[in-house]
Amino acid sequence: MKEQHTLKTAKDKVMLAQHILEVRHEPVGAFLDVRGFVADYIKNNNYFPHWKIDSNIINFTDQSNKIELEGAFAGYKSAGYIVNNPQTRNYFVDKASAYWKGLNKNDYYKITKVIRFGCRTQTFVPTNRSFDQINELLFSTYYTDKVKTLVSGKQTNLQLIFDIIDGQFQVKVSVGPMHEKEVVPFFNFESSYFNKCGLFFDIDVFKTKDVDIASISKLLNEAVRLIWDKIENTANSLEL
């Protein structure tokens, strides 16, 4: 897969990301009888040029047999959108929201109740620092001297995991340093920046109560803003 554009912050910091929106809903049994209609609807409305129907889900892609920049899915109990390495932060939100709204306008696939809203973003922030330097920065920033004493020895590979509540969302955050090329298996695209060491984020933002169909686009916008705030605040605090 060829290397794509890259997202940069206002400080010209490179960040490579892939996003997925997943909306889980009560099973729609009728979906199994109208999969072809739904596939044609999405294609005819120019959301995606390609589709593949499996037993209980339709996968949409921007290329004939794969997702290069973006893809989507619709099934009898979930629907969602995928973007690989967008150039801007708004791209994922704009395209995923448009797809969700369009999907709900069709006459065949009728979602009645949302069970879970979820937005997951995996991000790699490349840097010229070494793995050991990034690891030490994380350790010295997030742990007190007392913890360092208790751990003792040389700390060689740190991974931070947080389960938090932020406003209306539950958030799972995983962050840690990566060696050169170590991050490659986590991403569905290629980049020369993977040849550098860097900081890897895996952030899942979700909500399971009081989620209605009309609120998905607003929730997505808020979730993505929350995700980028956490990533950028962490990267800036470490001076990467």
Protein backbone atom coordinates (compact mmCIF):
# COMPACT_ATOMS: atom_id res chain seq x y z
CA MET A 1 0.00 0.00 0.00
CA LYS A 2 1.42 3.37 -0.94
CA GLU A 3 2.21 5.99 1.65
CA GLN A 4 -0.48 8.62 2.05
CA HIS A 5 -0.54 12.18 3.29
CA THR A 6 0.08 12.87 6.97
CA LEU A 7 -1.70 14.92 9.58
CA LYS A 8 0.21 17.77 11.20
CA THR A 9 -0.57 19.90 14.21
CA ALA A 10 -0.32 23.66 14.46
CA LYS A 11 3.23 23.15 15.77
CA ASP A 12 4.05 21.10 12.65
CA LYS A 13 4.13 17.88 14.68
CA VAL A 14 3.43 14.79 12.55
CA MET A 15 0.73 12.43 13.82
CA LEU A 16 -0.40 9.33 11.96
CA ALA A 17 -3.83 8.01 12.84
CA GLN A 18 -6.56 5.56 11.98
CA HIS A 19 -10.12 5.94 13.22
CA ILE A 20 -13.16 3.75 13.54
CA LEU A 21 -16.72 4.64 14.46
CA GLU A 22 -18.87 1.73 15.60
CA VAL A 23 -22.53 2.07 16.52
CA ARG A 24 -24.01 -1.06 18.02
CA HIS A 25 -27.78 -1.32 17.95
CA GLU A 26 -30.57 -3.75 18.65
CA PRO A 27 -30.58 -6.52 16.03
CA VAL A 28 -32.55 -5.75 12.89
CA GLY A 29 -33.74 -9.11 11.59
CA ALA A 30 -35.16 -7.64 8.39
CA PHE A 31 -31.63 -6.55 7.41
CA LEU A 32 -30.83 -10.11 6.34
CA ASP A 33 -33.56 -9.87 3.68
CA VAL A 34 -32.60 -6.44 2.31
CA ARG A 35 -28.78 -6.54 2.22
CA GLY A 36 -28.73 -6.05 -1.53
CA PHE A 37 -31.00 -3.00 -1.34
CA VAL A 38 -28.80 -1.43 1.33
CA ALA A 39 -25.63 -2.11 -0.68
CA ASP A 40 -27.12 -0.53 -3.80
CA TYR A 41 -28.40 2.44 -1.81
CA ILE A 42 -24.95 3.28 -0.45
CA LYS A 43 -23.32 2.84 -3.84
CA ASN A 44 -25.99 4.75 -5.79
CA ASN A 45 -25.72 7.67 -3.37
CA ASN A 46 -21.96 7.83 -4.02
CA TYR A 47 -20.78 7.00 -0.53
CA PHE A 48 -18.65 4.09 -1.74
CA PRO A 49 -18.01 2.52 -5.15
CA HIS A 50 -17.47 -1.03 -3.90
CA TRP A 51 -19.29 -3.39 -1.58
CA LYS A 52 -19.12 -7.01 -0.46
CA ILE A 53 -21.99 -8.82 1.20
CA ASP A 54 -21.27 -11.47 3.83
CA SER A 55 -23.76 -13.50 5.83
CA ASN A 56 -24.79 -10.71 8.23
CA ILE A 57 -22.80 -7.62 7.21
CA ILE A 58 -22.00 -5.45 4.20
CA ASN A 59 -18.48 -4.05 3.90
CA PHE A 60 -17.92 -0.93 1.80
CA THR A 61 -14.51 0.08 0.43
CA ASP A 62 -12.92 2.86 -1.59
CA GLN A 63 -10.88 0.32 -3.59
CA SER A 64 -12.13 -2.83 -5.28
CA ASN A 65 -10.73 -5.26 -2.73
CA LYS A 66 -9.44 -3.17 0.19
CA ILE A 67 -9.69 0.01 2.21
CA GLU A 68 -7.05 2.53 1.23
CA LEU A 69 -8.26 5.77 2.80
CA GLU A 70 -11.78 4.94 3.99
CA GLY A 71 -14.36 2.21 4.34
CA ALA A 72 -17.58 1.42 6.18
CA PHE A 73 -19.87 -1.39 7.22
CA ALA A 74 -23.52 -2.04 7.97
CA GLY A 75 -24.84 -5.16 9.65
CA TYR A 76 -27.87 -6.50 11.44
CA LYS A 77 -26.56 -5.27 14.81
CA SER A 78 -23.88 -2.64 14.08
CA ALA A 79 -22.74 -0.02 11.59
CA GLY A 80 -19.62 2.07 11.32
CA TYR A 81 -16.97 3.97 9.41
CA ILE A 82 -13.19 3.58 9.06
CA VAL A 83 -10.55 6.10 7.98
CA ASN A 84 -6.84 5.42 7.55
CA ASN A 85 -4.32 8.24 7.88
CA PRO A 86 -6.46 11.31 7.08
CA GLN A 87 -4.81 14.61 6.24
CA THR A 88 -7.01 16.68 8.55
CA ARG A 89 -8.72 16.09 11.88
CA ASN A 90 -12.12 16.94 10.46
CA TYR A 91 -12.02 14.40 7.64
CA PHE A 92 -13.07 11.40 9.70
CA VAL A 93 -15.82 13.25 11.55
CA ASP A 94 -17.25 14.79 8.37
CA LYS A 95 -17.26 11.60 6.31
CA ALA A 96 -18.44 9.28 9.09
CA SER A 97 -21.27 11.67 10.01
CA ALA A 98 -22.41 11.96 6.40
CA TYR A 99 -22.43 8.18 6.00
CA TRP A 100 -24.36 7.67 9.24
CA LYS A 101 -26.99 10.23 8.26
CA GLY A 102 -27.31 8.75 4.78
CA LEU A 103 -27.60 5.22 6.10
CA ASN A 104 -30.49 6.26 8.32
CA LYS A 105 -32.33 7.89 5.43
CA ASN A 106 -32.70 4.68 3.44
CA ASP A 107 -35.99 2.80 3.47
CA TYR A 108 -34.54 -0.67 4.10
CA TYR A 109 -32.20 -0.49 7.08
CA LYS A 110 -34.13 0.90 10.04
CA ILE A 111 -32.27 1.13 13.35
CA THR A 112 -34.60 1.40 16.33
CA LYS A 113 -32.36 1.58 19.42
CA VAL A 114 -28.63 2.28 19.84
CA ILE A 115 -26.89 0.13 22.45
CA ARG A 116 -23.36 1.54 22.26
CA PHE A 117 -21.59 4.45 20.62
CA GLY A 118 -17.86 3.90 20.19
CA CYS A 119 -15.01 5.85 18.62
CA ARG A 120 -11.52 4.34 18.61
CA THR A 121 -8.38 6.11 17.42
CA GLN A 122 -4.88 4.70 17.17
CA THR A 123 -2.17 7.31 16.71
CA PHE A 124 1.60 7.26 16.26
CA VAL A 125 3.68 10.35 17.00
CA PRO A 126 7.15 9.88 15.44
CA THR A 127 10.13 11.62 16.98
CA ASN A 128 13.89 11.92 16.60
CA ARG A 129 14.32 10.82 20.21
CA SER A 130 15.45 7.28 20.96
CA PHE A 131 13.17 4.62 22.44
CA ASP A 132 14.99 4.83 25.78
CA GLN A 133 14.60 8.61 25.86
CA ILE A 134 10.85 8.41 25.22
CA ASN A 135 10.48 5.67 27.80
CA GLU A 136 12.37 7.67 30.42
CA LEU A 137 10.30 10.78 29.69
CA LEU A 138 7.09 8.82 30.26
CA PHE A 139 8.40 7.26 33.44
CA SER A 140 9.71 10.50 34.94
CA THR A 141 6.52 12.40 34.01
CA TYR A 142 3.92 9.95 35.30
CA TYR A 143 5.60 8.32 38.29
CA THR A 144 6.72 9.81 41.61
CA ASP A 145 10.12 9.26 43.16
CA LYS A 146 8.49 6.90 45.66
CA VAL A 147 7.16 4.68 42.86
CA LYS A 148 10.56 4.70 41.19
CA THR A 149 12.10 3.53 44.46
CA LEU A 150 9.53 0.76 44.87
CA VAL A 151 10.00 -0.45 41.30
CA SER A 152 13.81 -0.21 41.58
CA GLY A 153 16.08 -1.48 38.86
CA LYS A 154 16.12 -0.09 35.34
CA GLN A 155 12.69 0.37 33.83
CA THR A 156 12.98 -0.61 30.15
CA ASN A 157 9.53 -0.61 28.57
CA LEU A 158 6.63 1.39 29.98
CA GLN A 159 2.99 1.15 28.99
CA LEU A 160 0.39 3.37 30.63
CA ILE A 161 -3.25 2.24 30.75
CA PHE A 162 -6.09 4.38 32.07
CA ASP A 163 -9.81 3.67 32.43
CA ILE A 164 -11.50 6.99 33.05
CA ILE A 165 -14.80 8.84 32.86
CA ASP A 166 -14.61 12.12 30.98
CA GLY A 167 -17.92 13.95 30.91
CA GLN A 168 -20.52 11.70 29.33
CA PHE A 169 -17.94 9.24 27.99
CA GLN A 170 -16.08 6.24 29.28
CA VAL A 171 -12.52 6.29 27.98
CA LYS A 172 -9.83 3.63 27.74
CA VAL A 173 -6.37 5.02 27.08
CA SER A 174 -3.23 3.05 26.33
CA VAL A 175 0.03 4.85 25.59
CA GLY A 176 3.62 3.72 25.30
CA PRO A 177 6.89 4.10 23.38
CA MET A 178 7.62 2.19 20.19
CA HIS A 179 10.87 1.06 18.63
CA GLU A 180 11.54 1.63 14.93
CA LYS A 181 8.98 -0.29 12.82
CA GLU A 182 7.42 -1.83 15.96
CA VAL A 183 4.18 0.03 15.33
CA VAL A 184 3.69 -1.35 11.79
CA PRO A 185 1.35 -4.25 12.77
CA PHE A 186 -1.02 -1.84 14.48
CA PHE A 187 -1.81 0.17 11.35
CA ASN A 188 -3.55 -0.63 8.08
CA PHE A 189 -1.38 1.66 5.97
CA GLU A 190 2.30 2.27 5.30
CA SER A 191 4.45 5.26 6.17
CA SER A 192 8.15 6.07 6.15
CA TYR A 193 7.58 7.62 9.60
CA PHE A 194 7.21 4.10 11.01
CA ASN A 195 10.98 3.83 10.61
CA LYS A 196 11.32 6.20 13.56
CA CYS A 197 10.79 5.64 17.26
CA GLY A 198 7.72 7.30 18.65
CA LEU A 199 4.78 7.34 21.01
CA PHE A 200 1.75 5.12 20.34
CA PHE A 201 -1.77 5.89 21.54
CA ASP A 202 -4.79 3.61 21.50
CA ILE A 203 -7.86 5.49 22.76
CA ASP A 204 -11.39 4.12 22.85
CA VAL A 205 -14.19 6.54 23.73
CA PHE A 206 -17.64 5.08 24.22
CA LYS A 207 -21.09 5.60 25.68
CA THR A 208 -23.70 2.95 26.47
CA LYS A 209 -26.54 4.87 28.10
CA ASP A 210 -28.98 7.40 26.68
CA VAL A 211 -27.63 7.27 23.13
CA ASP A 212 -30.18 8.12 20.47
CA ILE A 213 -29.81 7.86 16.71
CA ALA A 214 -29.90 11.60 16.11
CA SER A 215 -27.05 12.28 18.56
CA ILE A 216 -24.38 10.13 16.87
CA SER A 217 -22.78 12.90 14.79
CA LYS A 218 -22.57 15.22 17.80
CA LEU A 219 -21.12 12.46 19.97
CA LEU A 220 -18.56 11.66 17.30
CA ASN A 221 -17.43 15.25 17.05
CA GLU A 222 -17.06 15.51 20.83
CA ALA A 223 -15.29 12.16 21.12
CA VAL A 224 -12.72 12.97 18.45
CA ARG A 225 -12.03 16.37 19.99
CA LEU A 226 -11.51 14.69 23.37
CA ILE A 227 -9.15 12.13 21.82
CA TRP A 228 -6.97 14.73 20.09
CA ASP A 229 -6.81 16.84 23.24
CA LYS A 230 -5.45 13.90 25.20
CA ILE A 231 -2.93 12.98 22.52
CA GLU A 232 -1.66 16.48 21.97
CA ASN A 233 -1.51 17.34 25.67
CA THR A 234 0.55 14.21 26.36
CA ALA A 235 2.89 14.71 23.40
CA ASN A 236 3.43 18.37 24.32
CA SER A 237 4.06 17.58 27.98
CA LEU A 238 6.81 15.17 26.92
CA GLU A 239 8.16 17.74 24.43
CA LEU A 240 8.09 15.25 21.58
